[in-house]
Amino acid sequence: MNPTAFIAHCQTLLGTQYVLLEESDQSPYLRDWRNRYQGKALAILLPQNTEQVAEIVKACNQAKISLVPQGGNTSMCGAATPNDSGQQVVLNLKRMQTIRGIDASNQTIVVEAGCILQTVQEAAKVQGFLFPLSLGAQGSCQIGGNLATNAGGTNVLRYGNARELCLGLEVVTAQGEIMQGLRSLRKDNTGFDLRDLYIGSEGCLGIITAAVLKLFPLPTAQWTALVAVPDIPSTIDLLNLFQKRTAALLTGFEMMSRDSLDLTAKHFAQMKNPLSNDPSYTILVELSDHESEEHARNLMESVLESAFETGLASDAVIASNLSQAQSFWTMREHITMAQAQEGANLKHDISLPISSLHAFIEETDGILRQRFSGVRLINFGHLGDGNLHYNVAPPTGENPKEFNRSYEQVIHDVVYTQVEKHHGSISAEHGIGQLKLPDLEAHRGPVAHQLMRSIKQALDPNNILNPGKVLAG
C-alpha cells in the first residue's frame, strides 16, 4: 500500500472530514505545548472508536508508515509531536471521549482515551466520587496521554501517580490487534502485568484506547493553607510533622521558592503572595477530611501551632473559603505560565529522595551561580513526593534564546550529574519523549536500556509506534 492508497483507505474508514491533509487544518497538531518542537505530517487522523484505531495501525504496517499517538497535545517533552519528514501520521484520539460506565459499588469508572481529565473528574463528582488525578492542564489533557506518560500532579502524595489510579486497559497493539484488559479488579495475579507495561510507555508499545480508573469517596471538607518557612530543611521537617499528625488526610504539599512567586507576581499582579516578609519558601498544604469541616480545620490549626512553636514556620494563612483556597492553587499553577511570559528557560522535571533535596538544591544552586553569574533559579514542586521542578532562567537582561543555545547542554549536564549523585531521576512526571532521549541510557544504565530495546523490538518489530521517542531509532 503506497501513501496515496493509505490516505484513501483512511478516508473511507474515518470519513474525509476526519483525515486532515491541509496545512492550516494540521497546524494545531504539529507543535508541542512548549513550542519547542515543530513537525510535519502526512495526515492527521481522528478515529472515533477502538476498531478504527486498530484498522489504522494495520494499514500503517502494510504501508510502512509510522504513527504518532496524540491526546491533548500537552506533552512537556515532545512525545506527541511528529518529526519533520512529513511521512508520519498523527493519530489524535480526541473523538474517543465516551464515559462507558461508573460502577458505584466497585468505585470505578471506565473511560475512553480521549476523555478530558476534567470531564472525568466532573463525572465522578456528580456520582459523589473523587477522581484524584489533578494537573494544571486538566482542562485539555486527555486520559490516554495521562496514562501513556504516567502523569503525576498535585495529589500524588495521597493517591499516587496515574499508574496507581488505573486497574485495567484496552490497548491496540502495534499489529492492530485489540487487547481487552478492562478488568476492574484490585487483585489479578495472572502472569505478566501488561497494564503496567503500557502505562508510561509514551505510545511506543501500544495505543491506549480505554481504561478502568479508581474512584474514591468525595471528601467532606478540604482545608488549604499557605505557610512561610525559612529553608528547605524546615520544609522537610514541616512535611514530616503533617504526615505524623494528619496521616492520609494530607493530600497536597507544594513547595514554592521566593524567586518563583516573585516571577509570578511580576507577570500576574493579582497573584501576589499573601504571606508577610517575602519568605524564602512558601508551602501550600491541603488536608482532605471525610469527618467534618471542623475536624479538618482544628487539625490544620493544631499542626501549624506546633510549627510556629518549633520555629518551622513564621507565618501562615488558612483559606477561609473555597474561592480563597482556589486562589492559592491558581498562584501555584501560574508559576509555569509566568516562566513562559518571562521567556524561554531550561526546565528540569526531576525527583529525589526527600532526604536529599536540601543537599541537591544547595549544591546545584552553588555550582550554577558560580559558573553563570546572575542566573535565576526558579524552583518549585510537589515536595511531598520528591518531585522538584528545577528551572534555570538567564540573568536579567540577557536574551533567553541565546543564553539557552549557548549553555543548555552545560546546564543540563550539571543538573543531571547532581541528580545521579543524589540517586534521583531525570524525569519525575513529564516522561522522556524526544527531549530527554540523549540522557536516558546513561541514566538507566546499559542493561536496563537494552531490556527496553528488546521489549520494543518484541512488541513493535516494524517500529511503527512513535519512533524516536523514549528510544532512539
Protein backbone atom coordinates (compact mmCIF):
# COMPACT_ATOMS: atom_id res chain seq x y z
CA MET A 1 0.00 0.00 0.00
CA ASN A 2 1.54 3.33 -1.07
CA PRO A 3 0.89 6.62 0.75
CA THR A 4 -1.85 7.68 -1.68
CA ALA A 5 -3.68 4.39 -1.24
CA PHE A 6 -3.18 4.65 2.53
CA ILE A 7 -4.81 8.10 2.64
CA ALA A 8 -7.73 6.89 0.51
CA HIS A 9 -8.17 3.91 2.83
CA CYS A 10 -8.24 6.15 5.90
CA GLN A 11 -10.76 8.50 4.26
CA THR A 12 -13.05 5.57 3.58
CA LEU A 13 -12.59 4.25 7.11
CA LEU A 14 -12.99 7.54 9.03
CA GLY A 15 -14.73 9.88 6.63
CA THR A 16 -12.93 12.56 4.63
CA GLN A 17 -13.51 15.26 7.27
CA TYR A 18 -11.55 13.22 9.84
CA VAL A 19 -8.43 12.87 7.69
CA LEU A 20 -6.77 16.28 7.80
CA LEU A 21 -4.46 16.98 4.87
CA GLU A 22 -4.35 20.77 4.59
CA GLU A 23 -1.53 22.56 6.39
CA SER A 24 -3.94 25.02 8.02
CA ASP A 25 -6.01 22.15 9.45
CA GLN A 26 -2.97 20.21 10.61
CA SER A 27 -1.16 23.10 12.29
CA PRO A 28 -2.55 22.71 15.87
CA TYR A 29 -1.40 19.09 15.96
CA LEU A 30 2.17 19.64 14.77
CA ARG A 31 3.67 21.79 17.53
CA ASP A 32 4.25 20.76 21.12
CA TRP A 33 2.82 22.62 24.13
CA ARG A 34 6.11 24.40 24.91
CA ASN A 35 6.67 25.43 21.25
CA ARG A 36 9.98 23.62 21.31
CA TYR A 37 9.26 21.07 18.57
CA GLN A 38 7.59 21.57 15.19
CA GLY A 39 6.92 18.67 12.84
CA LYS A 40 5.15 17.78 9.61
CA ALA A 41 2.61 15.06 8.93
CA LEU A 42 1.31 13.07 6.01
CA ALA A 43 -2.12 13.31 7.67
CA ILE A 44 -3.85 13.91 10.98
CA LEU A 45 -6.23 11.01 11.68
CA LEU A 46 -9.19 11.38 14.05
CA PRO A 47 -10.71 7.95 14.81
CA GLN A 48 -13.97 7.61 16.74
CA ASN A 49 -13.58 4.14 18.22
CA THR A 50 -11.11 1.40 19.07
CA GLU A 51 -11.91 -0.63 15.96
CA GLN A 52 -10.95 2.30 13.73
CA VAL A 53 -7.67 2.71 15.64
CA ALA A 54 -6.92 -0.98 15.06
CA GLU A 55 -7.63 -0.70 11.33
CA ILE A 56 -5.39 2.37 11.04
CA VAL A 57 -2.50 0.55 12.74
CA LYS A 58 -2.92 -2.43 10.40
CA ALA A 59 -2.83 -0.08 7.41
CA CYS A 60 0.28 1.66 8.77
CA ASN A 61 2.04 -1.69 8.93
CA GLN A 62 1.07 -2.51 5.36
CA ALA A 63 2.16 0.90 4.08
CA LYS A 64 5.25 1.05 6.33
CA ILE A 65 4.08 4.40 7.71
CA SER A 66 4.84 5.24 11.32
CA LEU A 67 2.32 6.98 13.53
CA VAL A 68 2.44 9.32 16.50
CA PRO A 69 -0.34 8.78 19.08
CA GLN A 70 -1.59 12.09 20.45
CA GLY A 71 -4.03 13.14 23.15
CA GLY A 72 -4.48 16.73 24.33
CA ASN A 73 -1.01 17.61 22.97
CA THR A 74 0.15 18.93 26.35
CA SER A 75 3.40 16.92 26.42
CA MET A 76 6.32 18.74 28.04
CA CYS A 77 8.93 16.60 26.26
CA GLY A 78 7.77 16.47 22.64
CA ALA A 79 6.40 12.93 22.94
CA ALA A 80 3.33 13.67 20.80
CA THR A 81 4.97 15.71 18.03
CA PRO A 82 5.83 14.13 14.65
CA ASN A 83 9.25 14.50 13.07
CA ASP A 84 9.89 16.88 10.16
CA SER A 85 9.84 14.23 7.40
CA GLY A 86 6.18 14.71 6.54
CA GLN A 87 5.88 10.93 6.25
CA GLN A 88 4.36 10.18 9.66
CA VAL A 89 0.70 10.34 10.60
CA VAL A 90 -0.62 11.79 13.84
CA LEU A 91 -3.33 9.69 15.47
CA ASN A 92 -5.29 12.06 17.71
CA LEU A 93 -7.87 10.39 19.97
CA LYS A 94 -9.98 13.42 20.91
CA ARG A 95 -13.14 11.99 19.32
CA MET A 96 -12.93 8.95 21.62
CA GLN A 97 -14.47 10.66 24.65
CA THR A 98 -17.19 8.31 25.85
CA ILE A 99 -17.53 7.54 29.55
CA ARG A 100 -18.55 3.92 29.24
CA GLY A 101 -19.81 3.50 32.77
CA ILE A 102 -19.45 4.09 36.51
CA ASP A 103 -19.63 1.21 38.97
CA ALA A 104 -20.51 2.82 42.29
CA SER A 105 -20.22 -0.40 44.28
CA ASN A 106 -16.76 -1.13 42.88
CA GLN A 107 -15.76 2.55 42.91
CA THR A 108 -14.52 2.52 39.32
CA ILE A 109 -15.14 4.41 36.10
CA VAL A 110 -14.48 3.20 32.54
CA VAL A 111 -13.48 5.94 30.12
CA GLU A 112 -12.13 6.21 26.60
CA ALA A 113 -8.67 7.61 25.99
CA GLY A 114 -9.85 10.89 24.50
CA CYS A 115 -11.79 11.94 27.59
CA ILE A 116 -10.57 15.25 29.01
CA LEU A 117 -9.24 14.79 32.55
CA GLN A 118 -11.53 17.49 33.94
CA THR A 119 -14.54 15.81 32.34
CA VAL A 120 -13.70 12.59 34.18
CA GLN A 121 -13.30 14.49 37.45
CA GLU A 122 -16.71 16.13 36.97
CA ALA A 123 -18.46 12.90 36.02
CA ALA A 124 -17.10 11.25 39.16
CA LYS A 125 -18.16 14.19 41.32
CA VAL A 126 -21.77 14.03 40.07
CA GLN A 127 -21.90 10.47 41.43
CA GLY A 128 -20.37 11.52 44.76
CA PHE A 129 -16.84 10.35 43.99
CA LEU A 130 -13.38 11.82 43.56
CA PHE A 131 -11.05 11.04 40.69
CA PRO A 132 -7.90 12.50 42.24
CA LEU A 133 -5.52 12.95 39.31
CA SER A 134 -5.09 16.74 39.12
CA LEU A 135 -2.84 18.69 36.75
CA GLY A 136 -2.50 22.26 35.59
CA ALA A 137 -3.55 21.14 32.09
CA GLN A 138 -6.58 19.16 33.27
CA GLY A 139 -8.94 21.23 31.12
CA SER A 140 -7.24 20.00 27.94
CA CYS A 141 -5.11 16.92 28.65
CA GLN A 142 -6.64 13.52 27.91
CA ILE A 143 -6.75 10.32 29.93
CA GLY A 144 -4.88 8.34 27.28
CA GLY A 145 -1.97 10.76 27.43
CA ASN A 146 -2.09 10.87 31.24
CA LEU A 147 -1.66 7.10 31.32
CA ALA A 148 0.87 6.97 28.47
CA THR A 149 3.12 9.33 30.44
CA ASN A 150 2.17 8.07 33.92
CA ALA A 151 1.19 11.62 34.87
CA GLY A 152 1.66 12.80 38.44
CA GLY A 153 0.28 16.15 39.57
CA THR A 154 -0.64 17.62 42.92
CA ASN A 155 -2.31 14.65 44.63
CA VAL A 156 0.40 12.01 44.22
CA LEU A 157 1.29 12.24 47.91
CA ARG A 158 -2.10 10.75 48.87
CA TYR A 159 -3.32 8.87 45.80
CA GLY A 160 -0.27 8.03 43.68
CA ASN A 161 0.58 8.59 40.01
CA ALA A 162 -1.70 7.69 37.10
CA ARG A 163 -0.35 4.13 37.29
CA GLU A 164 -1.76 3.68 40.79
CA LEU A 165 -5.15 5.00 39.68
CA CYS A 166 -5.63 2.54 36.82
CA LEU A 167 -6.96 -1.01 37.17
CA GLY A 168 -7.27 -2.10 33.55
CA LEU A 169 -6.59 -1.07 29.96
CA GLU A 170 -7.88 -1.58 26.46
CA VAL A 171 -4.91 -1.34 24.08
CA VAL A 172 -4.39 -1.55 20.34
CA THR A 173 -1.12 -3.37 19.73
CA ALA A 174 1.49 -2.50 17.13
CA GLN A 175 -0.01 -5.20 14.91
CA GLY A 176 -3.51 -3.70 15.07
CA GLU A 177 -4.94 -6.25 17.47
CA ILE A 178 -7.10 -5.23 20.42
CA MET A 179 -6.04 -6.31 23.89
CA GLN A 180 -9.17 -6.42 26.04
CA GLY A 181 -7.94 -5.75 29.54
CA LEU A 182 -10.71 -3.64 31.05
CA ARG A 183 -10.84 -5.63 34.26
CA SER A 184 -11.93 -3.70 37.33
CA LEU A 185 -10.02 -5.94 39.74
CA ARG A 186 -7.77 -4.79 42.53
CA LYS A 187 -6.21 -8.24 42.70
CA ASP A 188 -5.34 -10.08 39.49
CA ASN A 189 -2.14 -12.10 39.76
CA THR A 190 -2.24 -13.83 36.37
CA GLY A 191 1.19 -13.63 34.82
CA PHE A 192 2.99 -10.59 33.43
CA ASP A 193 1.41 -7.23 34.28
CA LEU A 194 0.71 -5.90 30.78
CA ARG A 195 -1.17 -2.91 32.16
CA ASP A 196 1.96 -1.56 33.83
CA LEU A 197 3.97 -2.26 30.69
CA TYR A 198 1.82 0.10 28.61
CA ILE A 199 1.38 2.79 31.26
CA GLY A 200 4.30 5.21 30.94
CA SER A 201 5.44 3.83 27.58
CA GLU A 202 4.54 7.08 25.75
CA GLY A 203 2.76 5.33 22.87
CA CYS A 204 5.85 3.36 21.85
CA LEU A 205 4.50 -0.12 22.68
CA GLY A 206 0.76 0.18 22.07
CA ILE A 207 -2.08 2.69 21.89
CA ILE A 208 -4.25 3.00 24.99
CA THR A 209 -7.87 3.39 23.88
CA ALA A 210 -9.80 2.96 27.17
CA ALA A 211 -9.14 2.47 30.87
CA VAL A 212 -10.72 1.39 34.14
CA LEU A 213 -9.89 4.02 36.76
CA LYS A 214 -10.23 4.02 40.52
CA LEU A 215 -12.65 6.36 42.26
CA PHE A 216 -12.60 7.47 45.88
CA PRO A 217 -15.22 8.84 48.28
CA LEU A 218 -15.61 12.60 47.84
CA PRO A 219 -14.07 14.40 50.84
CA THR A 220 -16.46 16.17 53.18
CA ALA A 221 -14.07 19.05 53.70
CA GLN A 222 -10.81 20.43 52.40
CA TRP A 223 -8.66 22.97 54.21
CA THR A 224 -5.87 24.75 52.40
CA ALA A 225 -3.11 26.94 53.81
CA LEU A 226 -0.01 28.84 52.77
CA VAL A 227 2.90 28.55 55.20
CA ALA A 228 6.12 30.59 55.33
CA VAL A 229 9.28 28.56 56.04
CA PRO A 230 12.90 29.73 56.18
CA ASP A 231 14.72 26.96 54.32
CA ILE A 232 14.48 23.50 52.73
CA PRO A 233 15.31 21.53 55.92
CA SER A 234 12.37 23.30 57.58
CA THR A 235 10.05 22.38 54.72
CA ILE A 236 11.02 18.73 55.13
CA ASP A 237 10.51 18.87 58.88
CA LEU A 238 7.14 20.52 58.30
CA LEU A 239 6.19 17.75 55.87
CA ASN A 240 7.14 15.12 58.44
CA LEU A 241 5.09 16.93 61.08
CA PHE A 242 2.00 17.00 58.88
CA GLN A 243 2.44 13.35 57.91
CA LYS A 244 2.73 12.27 61.55
CA ARG A 245 -0.22 14.33 62.74
CA THR A 246 -2.61 14.03 59.76
CA ALA A 247 -1.60 10.76 58.04
CA ALA A 248 -3.81 10.08 54.97
CA LEU A 249 -5.63 13.39 55.34
CA LEU A 250 -2.60 15.15 53.85
CA THR A 251 -3.34 15.36 50.12
CA GLY A 252 -1.16 18.24 48.95
CA PHE A 253 2.23 19.63 49.95
CA GLU A 254 3.68 22.03 47.37
CA MET A 255 6.92 23.99 47.71
CA MET A 256 7.39 27.38 46.00
CA SER A 257 10.61 29.39 46.22
CA ARG A 258 10.66 33.15 46.68
CA ASP A 259 12.01 33.64 43.15
CA SER A 260 9.22 31.54 41.62
CA LEU A 261 6.49 33.55 43.36
CA ASP A 262 8.19 36.90 42.66
CA LEU A 263 8.20 35.97 38.98
CA THR A 264 4.52 35.03 39.14
CA ALA A 265 3.61 38.34 40.79
CA LYS A 266 5.65 40.20 38.15
CA HIS A 267 3.53 38.83 35.32
CA PHE A 268 0.24 38.34 37.21
CA ALA A 269 -0.05 41.23 39.67
CA GLN A 270 -3.21 39.84 41.26
CA MET A 271 -1.28 36.77 42.44
CA LYS A 272 0.99 38.38 44.97
CA ASN A 273 1.96 36.09 47.85
CA PRO A 274 -0.36 36.98 50.79
CA LEU A 275 2.25 35.92 53.35
CA SER A 276 4.24 38.68 55.05
CA ASN A 277 8.00 39.27 54.92
CA ASP A 278 8.51 37.65 51.50
CA PRO A 279 9.58 34.20 52.84
CA SER A 280 12.37 32.18 51.26
CA TYR A 281 9.95 29.30 50.71
CA THR A 282 6.18 29.10 50.75
CA ILE A 283 4.41 25.80 51.31
CA LEU A 284 0.91 25.16 50.00
CA VAL A 285 -0.61 22.42 52.16
CA GLU A 286 -4.03 20.82 51.83
CA LEU A 287 -5.96 18.43 54.07
CA SER A 288 -8.94 16.41 52.83
CA ASP A 289 -11.25 15.08 55.53
CA HIS A 290 -14.20 12.68 55.49
CA GLU A 291 -15.29 13.52 59.02
CA SER A 292 -16.20 17.22 59.20
CA GLU A 293 -15.02 20.70 58.30
CA GLU A 294 -14.46 21.46 61.97
CA HIS A 295 -12.23 18.42 62.41
CA ALA A 296 -10.12 19.34 59.39
CA ARG A 297 -9.73 22.98 60.40
CA ASN A 298 -8.86 22.11 64.01
CA LEU A 299 -6.25 19.66 62.79
CA MET A 300 -4.74 22.22 60.40
CA GLU A 301 -4.59 24.86 63.16
CA SER A 302 -3.09 22.41 65.64
CA VAL A 303 -0.26 21.36 63.31
CA LEU A 304 0.50 24.96 62.35
CA GLU A 305 0.60 25.95 66.01
CA SER A 306 3.23 23.29 66.62
CA ALA A 307 5.16 24.53 63.57
CA PHE A 308 5.22 28.07 64.97
CA GLU A 309 6.33 26.87 68.40
CA THR A 310 9.25 24.90 66.97
CA GLY A 311 10.33 27.61 64.54
CA LEU A 312 9.49 25.65 61.38
CA ALA A 313 7.05 28.34 60.25
CA SER A 314 6.97 32.12 60.67
CA ASP A 315 3.60 32.91 59.11
CA ALA A 316 0.55 31.16 57.68
CA VAL A 317 -2.75 31.93 56.01
CA ILE A 318 -5.59 29.40 56.12
CA ALA A 319 -8.10 29.78 53.28
CA SER A 320 -11.40 30.99 54.70
CA ASN A 321 -13.47 29.75 51.77
CA LEU A 322 -13.31 27.70 48.59
CA SER A 323 -12.58 30.75 46.46
CA GLN A 324 -9.52 31.71 48.51
CA ALA A 325 -8.28 28.11 48.50
CA GLN A 326 -8.58 28.08 44.72
CA SER A 327 -6.61 31.35 44.55
CA PHE A 328 -3.75 29.64 46.41
CA TRP A 329 -3.70 26.81 43.90
CA THR A 330 -4.02 29.24 40.99
CA MET A 331 -0.93 31.07 42.23
CA ARG A 332 0.97 27.77 42.30
CA GLU A 333 -0.23 26.77 38.82
CA HIS A 334 0.69 30.14 37.30
CA ILE A 335 4.39 29.75 38.06
CA THR A 336 4.81 27.85 34.80
CA MET A 337 2.82 30.48 32.90
CA ALA A 338 4.94 33.24 34.41
CA GLN A 339 8.07 31.48 33.20
CA ALA A 340 6.62 31.36 29.70
CA GLN A 341 5.85 35.09 29.87
CA GLU A 342 9.41 35.81 31.01
CA GLY A 343 10.93 33.90 28.09
CA ALA A 344 12.48 30.55 27.30
CA ASN A 345 14.06 28.76 30.25
CA LEU A 346 15.68 25.42 30.88
CA LYS A 347 13.27 23.07 32.65
CA HIS A 348 14.21 20.03 34.69
CA ASP A 349 11.43 17.75 35.92
CA ILE A 350 13.37 15.65 38.41
CA SER A 351 12.73 13.58 41.51
CA LEU A 352 14.95 12.97 44.51
CA PRO A 353 14.77 11.19 47.84
CA ILE A 354 13.19 13.78 50.12
CA SER A 355 16.17 13.43 52.45
CA SER A 356 18.46 14.58 49.60
CA LEU A 357 16.51 17.64 48.48
CA HIS A 358 18.38 20.15 50.61
CA ALA A 359 21.84 18.95 49.59
CA PHE A 360 20.85 18.80 45.91
CA ILE A 361 19.42 22.33 45.84
CA GLU A 362 22.26 23.86 47.86
CA GLU A 363 25.00 22.21 45.80
CA THR A 364 23.41 22.67 42.38
CA ASP A 365 22.45 26.28 43.05
CA GLY A 366 26.05 26.96 44.10
CA ILE A 367 27.59 25.35 41.02
CA LEU A 368 25.33 27.18 38.58
CA ARG A 369 25.65 30.56 40.27
CA GLN A 370 29.44 30.24 40.28
CA ARG A 371 29.54 29.38 36.57
CA PHE A 372 26.81 31.75 35.41
CA SER A 373 26.76 34.95 37.43
CA GLY A 374 23.25 36.32 37.89
CA VAL A 375 21.49 33.14 36.72
CA ARG A 376 17.94 32.84 38.07
CA LEU A 377 16.77 29.55 39.61
CA ILE A 378 13.01 29.06 39.61
CA ASN A 379 12.42 26.10 41.90
CA PHE A 380 9.05 24.68 42.91
CA GLY A 381 7.38 21.33 43.02
CA HIS A 382 5.45 18.54 44.67
CA LEU A 383 7.70 18.31 47.69
CA GLY A 384 5.61 15.59 49.35
CA ASP A 385 6.67 13.05 46.70
CA GLY A 386 10.15 14.41 45.98
CA ASN A 387 9.25 15.88 42.57
CA LEU A 388 11.21 19.09 42.04
CA HIS A 389 10.80 21.41 39.05
CA TYR A 390 14.30 22.85 38.87
CA ASN A 391 14.26 25.55 36.21
CA VAL A 392 17.10 27.81 35.08
CA ALA A 393 16.50 31.26 33.59
CA PRO A 394 19.19 33.57 32.21
CA PRO A 395 20.41 36.62 34.10
CA THR A 396 18.10 39.62 33.81
CA GLY A 397 18.72 41.45 30.55
CA GLU A 398 20.23 38.52 28.65
CA ASN A 399 18.45 37.12 25.60
CA PRO A 400 16.83 33.82 26.74
CA LYS A 401 17.15 32.07 23.39
CA GLU A 402 20.82 32.98 23.00
CA PHE A 403 21.59 32.00 26.59
CA ASN A 404 19.87 28.64 26.18
CA ARG A 405 21.53 27.99 22.84
CA SER A 406 24.96 28.63 24.33
CA TYR A 407 24.62 26.91 27.69
CA GLU A 408 21.75 24.43 27.57
CA GLN A 409 23.88 21.30 27.38
CA VAL A 410 26.32 22.50 30.04
CA ILE A 411 23.47 23.30 32.45
CA HIS A 412 21.69 20.01 31.76
CA ASP A 413 24.94 18.16 32.43
CA VAL A 414 25.38 19.93 35.76
CA VAL A 415 21.80 19.25 36.88
CA TYR A 416 21.73 15.62 35.76
CA THR A 417 25.16 14.89 37.25
CA GLN A 418 23.82 16.18 40.56
CA VAL A 419 20.67 14.09 40.15
CA GLU A 420 22.80 10.98 39.71
CA LYS A 421 24.96 11.90 42.68
CA HIS A 422 21.87 12.12 44.89
CA HIS A 423 20.23 8.95 43.48
CA GLY A 424 17.34 10.73 41.80
CA SER A 425 15.57 10.55 38.43
CA ILE A 426 15.91 12.81 35.39
CA SER A 427 12.16 12.54 34.77
CA ALA A 428 9.59 12.57 37.55
CA GLU A 429 6.28 13.10 35.77
CA HIS A 430 6.81 14.53 32.28
CA GLY A 431 8.29 11.46 30.62
CA ILE A 432 11.18 11.17 28.17
CA GLY A 433 9.71 11.96 24.74
CA GLN A 434 12.40 13.30 22.45
CA LEU A 435 13.68 15.94 24.88
CA LYS A 436 15.46 13.57 27.27
CA LEU A 437 16.24 10.86 24.74
CA PRO A 438 20.02 11.52 24.73
CA ASP A 439 20.21 11.22 28.52
CA LEU A 440 18.15 8.08 29.12
CA GLU A 441 20.74 5.36 28.51
CA ALA A 442 23.33 6.91 30.80
CA HIS A 443 20.70 7.38 33.49
CA ARG A 444 19.11 3.93 33.36
CA GLY A 445 22.30 2.01 32.60
CA PRO A 446 23.13 -0.25 29.63
CA VAL A 447 21.38 -3.36 30.94
CA ALA A 448 18.05 -1.66 31.62
CA HIS A 449 18.29 0.28 28.37
CA GLN A 450 18.86 -2.90 26.36
CA LEU A 451 15.92 -4.58 28.08
CA MET A 452 13.71 -1.69 26.99
CA ARG A 453 15.01 -2.04 23.44
CA SER A 454 14.25 -5.76 23.50
CA ILE A 455 10.69 -5.13 24.68
CA LYS A 456 10.19 -2.52 21.94
CA GLN A 457 11.53 -4.90 19.29
CA ALA A 458 9.33 -7.75 20.50
CA LEU A 459 6.11 -5.73 20.63
CA ASP A 460 6.70 -3.38 17.68
CA PRO A 461 9.15 -5.08 15.29
CA ASN A 462 8.29 -2.71 12.42
CA ASN A 463 8.90 0.35 14.64
CA ILE A 464 5.50 1.75 13.68
CA LEU A 465 4.58 3.33 17.01
CA ASN A 466 6.12 6.70 17.90
CA PRO A 467 9.66 6.02 16.66
CA GLY A 468 12.34 8.32 18.02
CA LYS A 469 10.60 8.79 21.36
CA VAL A 470 11.98 7.23 24.56
CA LEU A 471 14.33 5.05 22.50
CA ALA A 472 16.45 6.25 19.58
CA GLY A 473 15.93 4.79 16.11
